[in-house]
Every structure is written in structure tokens, then in C-alpha cells.
Amino acid sequence: MNQLKDFKTLIDEEVEDAVLQLYINDAENFILNHCNLDEVPNRLYSALLNIAVYLLVSLIYYLKPLEISMINLLIKFPL
């Protein structure tokens, strides 16, 4: 199983591989800590990818309004 390749298949964003790997690692750590495991079993593979997607999409949708607000400020008050 190639987590990074599968993760890229699930998202529709241009994001660097290193950043995607961070989200995969965060999702893996979440599962390991929450379930008190030493390694993520294969049966939780799709859950790991879904958590990684959720984390990434949550950040993207959180940042988009901030980005738009900054653009509006720059239009109103150019440097």
C-alpha cells in the first residue's frame, strides 16, 4: 500500500508530497494514540486516509476565507 499515492488520489489539490506526508503522519499518530496501538492495522488503512483528508480539507477551507479577506484588505488599502 502506498499511502501517499492513495492520499493524492482522494484529494483534488496541488500540495507538495512532504506536506501530504505530514498529514498522513498526523492521522497515523491520531489512530495510534486514540486506539492505544503500536502500529496501524491494515483494516484501519482507509480510516487513516480519511482522517488525513479531513485534516487537510479542514485547513484548506479554514484558510480560504482568510486569504480572501487579505486580498480585500490589500485592494482597499494598497501598500
Protein backbone atom coordinates (compact mmCIF):
# COMPACT_ATOMS: atom_id res chain seq x y z
CA MET A 1 0.00 0.00 0.00
CA ASN A 2 1.28 3.39 -0.93
CA GLN A 3 -0.30 5.87 1.47
CA LEU A 4 0.97 8.97 -0.32
CA LYS A 5 -0.28 7.82 -3.74
CA ASP A 6 -3.67 6.85 -2.31
CA PHE A 7 -3.92 10.15 -0.43
CA LYS A 8 -3.22 12.12 -3.62
CA THR A 9 -5.98 10.14 -5.37
CA LEU A 10 -8.51 11.24 -2.74
CA ILE A 11 -7.77 14.97 -2.87
CA ASP A 12 -8.15 17.49 -5.64
CA GLU A 13 -5.49 19.95 -4.56
CA GLU A 14 -1.93 20.63 -5.63
CA VAL A 15 0.01 20.06 -2.42
CA GLU A 16 3.65 19.07 -2.01
CA ASP A 17 4.35 15.45 -1.13
CA ALA A 18 6.19 16.43 2.06
CA VAL A 19 3.13 18.33 3.30
CA LEU A 20 0.82 15.44 2.45
CA GLN A 21 3.12 13.09 4.32
CA LEU A 22 2.79 15.29 7.41
CA TYR A 23 -0.99 14.87 7.29
CA ILE A 24 -0.62 11.12 6.88
CA ASN A 25 1.71 11.06 9.89
CA ASP A 26 -0.75 13.13 11.95
CA ALA A 27 -3.58 10.77 11.05
CA GLU A 28 -1.45 7.76 11.92
CA ASN A 29 -0.47 9.27 15.27
CA PHE A 30 -4.12 10.06 16.00
CA ILE A 31 -5.11 6.43 15.42
CA LEU A 32 -2.16 5.05 17.40
CA ASN A 33 -2.82 7.30 20.39
CA HIS A 34 -6.62 7.05 20.34
CA CYS A 35 -6.64 3.25 20.00
CA ASN A 36 -3.55 2.66 22.16
CA LEU A 37 -1.76 0.73 19.38
CA ASP A 38 1.86 0.29 18.38
CA GLU A 39 1.11 0.17 14.66
CA VAL A 40 -1.89 0.85 12.46
CA PRO A 41 -3.51 -2.42 11.32
CA ASN A 42 -4.41 -2.85 7.65
CA ARG A 43 -8.12 -2.79 8.45
CA LEU A 44 -7.73 0.85 9.58
CA TYR A 45 -5.92 1.91 6.38
CA SER A 46 -8.96 3.64 4.87
CA ALA A 47 -9.71 5.34 8.20
CA LEU A 48 -6.14 6.69 8.26
CA LEU A 49 -6.55 8.15 4.76
CA ASN A 50 -9.97 9.59 5.61
CA ILE A 51 -8.58 11.30 8.72
CA ALA A 52 -5.67 12.72 6.68
CA VAL A 53 -8.10 14.05 4.06
CA TYR A 54 -10.31 15.57 6.76
CA LEU A 55 -7.31 17.33 8.34
CA LEU A 56 -6.13 18.72 5.01
CA VAL A 57 -9.57 19.81 3.78
CA SER A 58 -10.37 21.42 7.14
CA LEU A 59 -7.23 23.53 6.89
CA ILE A 60 -7.87 24.47 3.25
CA TYR A 61 -11.42 25.61 3.95
CA TYR A 62 -10.26 27.46 7.06
CA LEU A 63 -7.56 29.33 5.15
CA LYS A 64 -9.58 30.23 2.03
CA PRO A 65 -11.73 32.91 3.79
CA LEU A 66 -8.59 34.34 5.40
CA GLU A 67 -6.94 34.52 2.00
CA ILE A 68 -9.94 36.33 0.52
CA SER A 69 -10.03 38.75 3.48
CA MET A 70 -6.36 39.59 2.97
CA ILE A 71 -6.92 40.22 -0.73
CA ASN A 72 -9.87 42.51 0.06
CA LEU A 73 -7.74 44.44 2.56
CA LEU A 74 -4.97 44.88 0.01
CA ILE A 75 -7.47 46.17 -2.54
CA LYS A 76 -8.90 48.68 -0.06
CA PHE A 77 -5.55 49.68 1.40
CA PRO A 78 -2.78 49.13 -1.16
CA LEU A 79 0.77 49.15 0.13
